[in-house]
Structures are given as structure tokens and as C-alpha cells.
Amino acid sequence: MKKEQKAASSSLSILAMAGLAPYQEKKGEEYMNPKQLQHFKLILEAWLEQLRGEMDKTVTHMQDEAANFPDPADRATQEEEFSLELRTRDRERKLIKKIEKTLKKIEDNDFGFCDSCGVEIGIRRLEARPTADLCIDCKTVAELREKQMGY
């Protein structure tokens, strides 16, 4: 799947999760007006709720499924499954922090503008990645630097 298709698919699922349609800008509408900020706040809050629900399910699953298998292979399989699940939840924990930081930016009316150059990030990019804090140009440069540095 191409990067653009993944982003489009991802943004549709985030929007669908929030029960929202893509934002339709009106001609002459001010960028990041209260209506737009509310749109993104709803998206982020729905995403946050979904992630927290997944974390709760993991705890319950691990408590319910924890067993002391006599067979070492079964024990190893279970430990590997739990390990993968915990790694996924750790990534989600980091994403939750990023979502909370983004919600704070909305609260402070500092959302939707590039942290590096200050230009508008854009409605479509923010719908694809609501936690984006760089415009596409600055993000491209940052990724090139990372690639050159070997990260």
C-alpha cells in the first residue's frame, strides 16, 4: 500500500472512529477557527478514548489468560504474545501523551501551525495525522536529516 493510501485510510478510520465526516472548508473561512478546532478536538478525544479502551482490554486479557503451562513451548508462546502486546501498548502510551499534548495545543489556540516555520499545516494533513506538529515541507526535511544521520 502506498504512503498516501495508508494516510488516507488511516485518516478515514480516525474520522469514522470519531463519527465525523471530513471537514468541509467554506470559502473565506479563517484557518483554525472555533469550528475547526472543535472538529479536531472531537477526533483526538475519540482516538484517546479508543486507545485507553485498548489498554484496559490488554490488562484484562493478560490477567485472564495468564497460565502456568507445563509445556515450555506453550509457556514461551504465551510470553512472546504478552511481550508483543506490551510493546504495542507502550507505543500507544507514547501516542496517548502526544494526543494529550495536541489537545493542550488546541486549548491554548496553538494548534494547526508548524512548530518549525509557523505556516499552516493544513486541514487534510491534520485529518490524516491529527498530532502532526510540522508542515509537510519541514517534516520532509526532518526525515531527510534523520535518514542522513542513520536513525
C-alpha atoms as a PDB file:
ATOM      1  CA  MET A   1       0.000   0.000   0.000  1.00  0.00           C
ATOM      2  CA  LYS A   2       1.361   3.427  -0.923  1.00  0.00           C
ATOM      3  CA  LYS A   3       2.084   6.022   1.774  1.00  0.00           C
ATOM      4  CA  GLU A   4      -0.745   8.284   0.530  1.00  0.00           C
ATOM      5  CA  GLN A   5      -3.238   5.403   0.563  1.00  0.00           C
ATOM      6  CA  LYS A   6      -2.194   4.439   4.101  1.00  0.00           C
ATOM      7  CA  ALA A   7      -2.576   8.042   5.257  1.00  0.00           C
ATOM      8  CA  ALA A   8      -5.980   8.332   3.582  1.00  0.00           C
ATOM      9  CA  SER A   9      -7.104   5.005   5.046  1.00  0.00           C
ATOM     10  CA  SER A  10      -5.767   5.994   8.475  1.00  0.00           C
ATOM     11  CA  SER A  11      -7.486   9.389   8.414  1.00  0.00           C
ATOM     12  CA  LEU A  12     -10.767   7.818   7.357  1.00  0.00           C
ATOM     13  CA  SER A  13     -10.608   5.361  10.233  1.00  0.00           C
ATOM     14  CA  ILE A  14      -9.774   8.124  12.729  1.00  0.00           C
ATOM     15  CA  LEU A  15     -12.643  10.236  11.381  1.00  0.00           C
ATOM     16  CA  ALA A  16     -15.003   7.239  11.341  1.00  0.00           C
ATOM     17  CA  MET A  17     -13.995   6.367  14.896  1.00  0.00           C
ATOM     18  CA  ALA A  18     -14.985   9.894  15.939  1.00  0.00           C
ATOM     19  CA  GLY A  19     -18.202   9.627  13.905  1.00  0.00           C
ATOM     20  CA  LEU A  20     -17.203  12.603  11.780  1.00  0.00           C
ATOM     21  CA  ALA A  21     -17.037  13.359   8.095  1.00  0.00           C
ATOM     22  CA  PRO A  22     -14.019  15.151   6.591  1.00  0.00           C
ATOM     23  CA  TYR A  23     -14.156  18.848   7.393  1.00  0.00           C
ATOM     24  CA  GLN A  24     -15.595  20.929   4.570  1.00  0.00           C
ATOM     25  CA  GLU A  25     -13.947  24.339   4.497  1.00  0.00           C
ATOM     26  CA  LYS A  26     -16.093  27.271   3.452  1.00  0.00           C
ATOM     27  CA  LYS A  27     -14.749  29.906   1.094  1.00  0.00           C
ATOM     28  CA  GLY A  28     -13.031  32.694   3.025  1.00  0.00           C
ATOM     29  CA  GLU A  29     -13.198  30.751   6.297  1.00  0.00           C
ATOM     30  CA  GLU A  30     -10.488  31.625   8.812  1.00  0.00           C
ATOM     31  CA  TYR A  31      -7.959  28.839   9.402  1.00  0.00           C
ATOM     32  CA  MET A  32      -8.303  27.133  12.794  1.00  0.00           C
ATOM     33  CA  ASN A  33     -11.492  28.911  13.739  1.00  0.00           C
ATOM     34  CA  PRO A  34     -13.513  27.566  16.705  1.00  0.00           C
ATOM     35  CA  LYS A  35     -15.486  25.171  14.470  1.00  0.00           C
ATOM     36  CA  GLN A  36     -12.292  23.626  13.054  1.00  0.00           C
ATOM     37  CA  LEU A  37     -10.699  23.414  16.496  1.00  0.00           C
ATOM     38  CA  GLN A  38     -13.809  21.628  17.792  1.00  0.00           C
ATOM     39  CA  HIS A  39     -13.643  19.197  14.834  1.00  0.00           C
ATOM     40  CA  PHE A  40     -10.074  18.220  15.712  1.00  0.00           C
ATOM     41  CA  LYS A  41     -10.801  18.111  19.433  1.00  0.00           C
ATOM     42  CA  LEU A  42     -13.572  15.555  18.782  1.00  0.00           C
ATOM     43  CA  ILE A  43     -11.237  13.471  16.605  1.00  0.00           C
ATOM     44  CA  LEU A  44      -8.463  13.483  19.217  1.00  0.00           C
ATOM     45  CA  GLU A  45     -10.805  12.726  22.124  1.00  0.00           C
ATOM     46  CA  ALA A  46     -12.334   9.748  20.260  1.00  0.00           C
ATOM     47  CA  TRP A  47      -8.849   8.455  19.412  1.00  0.00           C
ATOM     48  CA  LEU A  48      -7.755   8.851  23.028  1.00  0.00           C
ATOM     49  CA  GLU A  49     -10.832   7.006  24.284  1.00  0.00           C
ATOM     50  CA  GLN A  50     -10.209   4.156  21.827  1.00  0.00           C
ATOM     51  CA  LEU A  51      -6.552   3.809  22.877  1.00  0.00           C
ATOM     52  CA  ARG A  52      -7.409   3.838  26.574  1.00  0.00           C
ATOM     53  CA  GLY A  53     -10.018   1.152  25.927  1.00  0.00           C
ATOM     54  CA  GLU A  54      -7.371  -0.990  24.227  1.00  0.00           C
ATOM     55  CA  MET A  55      -5.079  -0.594  27.230  1.00  0.00           C
ATOM     56  CA  ASP A  56      -7.840  -1.713  29.583  1.00  0.00           C
ATOM     57  CA  LYS A  57      -8.536  -4.743  27.379  1.00  0.00           C
ATOM     58  CA  THR A  58      -4.845  -5.692  27.497  1.00  0.00           C
ATOM     59  CA  VAL A  59      -4.747  -5.689  31.290  1.00  0.00           C
ATOM     60  CA  THR A  60      -7.902  -7.808  31.457  1.00  0.00           C
ATOM     61  CA  HIS A  61      -6.647 -10.171  28.755  1.00  0.00           C
ATOM     62  CA  MET A  62      -3.284 -10.694  30.441  1.00  0.00           C
ATOM     63  CA  GLN A  63      -4.922 -11.334  33.819  1.00  0.00           C
ATOM     64  CA  ASP A  64      -7.466 -13.758  32.347  1.00  0.00           C
ATOM     65  CA  GLU A  65      -5.071 -15.584  30.048  1.00  0.00           C
ATOM     66  CA  ALA A  66      -2.091 -15.873  32.378  1.00  0.00           C
ATOM     67  CA  ALA A  67      -1.488 -19.548  32.925  1.00  0.00           C
ATOM     68  CA  ASN A  68       1.421 -21.628  34.081  1.00  0.00           C
ATOM     69  CA  PHE A  69       1.721 -24.059  31.201  1.00  0.00           C
ATOM     70  CA  PRO A  70       3.720 -27.202  31.967  1.00  0.00           C
ATOM     71  CA  ASP A  71       4.938 -27.342  28.362  1.00  0.00           C
ATOM     72  CA  PRO A  72       7.890 -24.934  27.831  1.00  0.00           C
ATOM     73  CA  ALA A  73       6.836 -24.270  24.226  1.00  0.00           C
ATOM     74  CA  ASP A  74       3.343 -23.206  25.321  1.00  0.00           C
ATOM     75  CA  ARG A  75       4.830 -21.006  28.046  1.00  0.00           C
ATOM     76  CA  ALA A  76       7.221 -19.412  25.542  1.00  0.00           C
ATOM     77  CA  THR A  77       4.390 -18.771  23.081  1.00  0.00           C
ATOM     78  CA  GLN A  78       2.323 -17.067  25.767  1.00  0.00           C
ATOM     79  CA  GLU A  79       5.278 -14.966  26.939  1.00  0.00           C
ATOM     80  CA  GLU A  80       6.005 -13.869  23.368  1.00  0.00           C
ATOM     81  CA  GLU A  81       2.341 -12.955  22.833  1.00  0.00           C
ATOM     82  CA  PHE A  82       2.324 -10.906  26.034  1.00  0.00           C
ATOM     83  CA  SER A  83       5.625  -9.275  25.090  1.00  0.00           C
ATOM     84  CA  LEU A  84       4.277  -8.184  21.691  1.00  0.00           C
ATOM     85  CA  GLU A  85       1.104  -6.891  23.286  1.00  0.00           C
ATOM     86  CA  LEU A  86       3.073  -4.892  25.858  1.00  0.00           C
ATOM     87  CA  ARG A  87       5.296  -3.370  23.150  1.00  0.00           C
ATOM     88  CA  THR A  88       2.192  -2.321  21.244  1.00  0.00           C
ATOM     89  CA  ARG A  89       0.708  -0.770  24.375  1.00  0.00           C
ATOM     90  CA  ASP A  90       3.979   1.060  25.077  1.00  0.00           C
ATOM     91  CA  ARG A  91       3.800   2.647  21.618  1.00  0.00           C
ATOM     92  CA  GLU A  92       0.178   3.531  22.285  1.00  0.00           C
ATOM     93  CA  ARG A  93       1.137   5.034  25.658  1.00  0.00           C
ATOM     94  CA  LYS A  94       3.547   7.345  23.835  1.00  0.00           C
ATOM     95  CA  LEU A  95       0.820   8.188  21.327  1.00  0.00           C
ATOM     96  CA  ILE A  96      -1.570   8.999  24.186  1.00  0.00           C
ATOM     97  CA  LYS A  97       0.961  11.501  25.546  1.00  0.00           C
ATOM     98  CA  LYS A  98       1.233  13.046  22.080  1.00  0.00           C
ATOM     99  CA  ILE A  99      -2.570  13.258  21.761  1.00  0.00           C
ATOM    100  CA  GLU A 100      -2.813  14.896  25.197  1.00  0.00           C
ATOM    101  CA  LYS A 101      -0.117  17.393  24.181  1.00  0.00           C
ATOM    102  CA  THR A 102      -2.063  18.136  20.983  1.00  0.00           C
ATOM    103  CA  LEU A 103      -5.316  18.638  22.923  1.00  0.00           C
ATOM    104  CA  LYS A 104      -3.439  21.141  25.111  1.00  0.00           C
ATOM    105  CA  LYS A 105      -2.340  22.972  21.947  1.00  0.00           C
ATOM    106  CA  ILE A 106      -5.998  23.196  20.876  1.00  0.00           C
ATOM    107  CA  GLU A 107      -6.900  24.542  24.317  1.00  0.00           C
ATOM    108  CA  ASP A 108      -4.120  27.152  24.007  1.00  0.00           C
ATOM    109  CA  ASN A 109      -5.146  28.101  20.414  1.00  0.00           C
ATOM    110  CA  ASP A 110      -1.732  26.956  19.197  1.00  0.00           C
ATOM    111  CA  PHE A 111      -2.941  24.054  17.040  1.00  0.00           C
ATOM    112  CA  GLY A 112      -2.560  23.665  13.285  1.00  0.00           C
ATOM    113  CA  PHE A 113       0.636  25.626  12.756  1.00  0.00           C
ATOM    114  CA  CYS A 114       4.110  24.243  12.094  1.00  0.00           C
ATOM    115  CA  ASP A 115       6.333  24.230  15.184  1.00  0.00           C
ATOM    116  CA  SER A 116       9.353  24.884  12.972  1.00  0.00           C
ATOM    117  CA  CYS A 117       8.325  27.582  10.483  1.00  0.00           C
ATOM    118  CA  GLY A 118       4.900  28.695  11.720  1.00  0.00           C
ATOM    119  CA  VAL A 119       2.920  28.110   8.498  1.00  0.00           C
ATOM    120  CA  GLU A 120      -0.466  26.407   8.388  1.00  0.00           C
ATOM    121  CA  ILE A 121      -0.176  22.619   8.469  1.00  0.00           C
ATOM    122  CA  GLY A 122      -3.467  22.212   6.602  1.00  0.00           C
ATOM    123  CA  ILE A 123      -6.819  20.604   7.329  1.00  0.00           C
ATOM    124  CA  ARG A 124      -6.272  17.452   5.220  1.00  0.00           C
ATOM    125  CA  ARG A 125      -2.845  16.736   6.692  1.00  0.00           C
ATOM    126  CA  LEU A 126      -4.226  17.200  10.204  1.00  0.00           C
ATOM    127  CA  GLU A 127      -7.125  14.880   9.475  1.00  0.00           C
ATOM    128  CA  ALA A 128      -4.634  12.265   8.270  1.00  0.00           C
ATOM    129  CA  ARG A 129      -2.346  12.822  11.267  1.00  0.00           C
ATOM    130  CA  PRO A 130      -4.080  14.945  13.950  1.00  0.00           C
ATOM    131  CA  THR A 131      -0.927  15.032  16.084  1.00  0.00           C
ATOM    132  CA  ALA A 132       1.215  16.495  13.276  1.00  0.00           C
ATOM    133  CA  ASP A 133       3.256  19.437  14.517  1.00  0.00           C
ATOM    134  CA  LEU A 134       5.260  20.091  11.348  1.00  0.00           C
ATOM    135  CA  CYS A 135       4.117  21.187   7.898  1.00  0.00           C
ATOM    136  CA  ILE A 136       4.836  18.769   5.077  1.00  0.00           C
ATOM    137  CA  ASP A 137       7.959  20.666   3.956  1.00  0.00           C
ATOM    138  CA  CYS A 138       9.540  20.764   7.427  1.00  0.00           C
ATOM    139  CA  LYS A 139       8.621  17.123   8.031  1.00  0.00           C
ATOM    140  CA  THR A 140      10.261  16.132   4.732  1.00  0.00           C
ATOM    141  CA  VAL A 141      13.451  17.985   5.694  1.00  0.00           C
ATOM    142  CA  ALA A 142      13.412  16.385   9.171  1.00  0.00           C
ATOM    143  CA  GLU A 143      13.020  12.912   7.652  1.00  0.00           C
ATOM    144  CA  LEU A 144      15.903  13.572   5.234  1.00  0.00           C
ATOM    145  CA  ARG A 145      18.102  14.645   8.154  1.00  0.00           C
ATOM    146  CA  GLU A 146      17.149  11.508  10.092  1.00  0.00           C
ATOM    147  CA  LYS A 147      17.988   9.380   7.069  1.00  0.00           C
ATOM    148  CA  GLN A 148      21.366  11.088   6.649  1.00  0.00           C
ATOM    149  CA  MET A 149      22.146  10.666  10.354  1.00  0.00           C
ATOM    150  CA  GLY A 150      21.225   6.989  10.140  1.00  0.00           C
ATOM    151  CA  TYR A 151      18.404   6.935  12.746  1.00  0.00           C
END
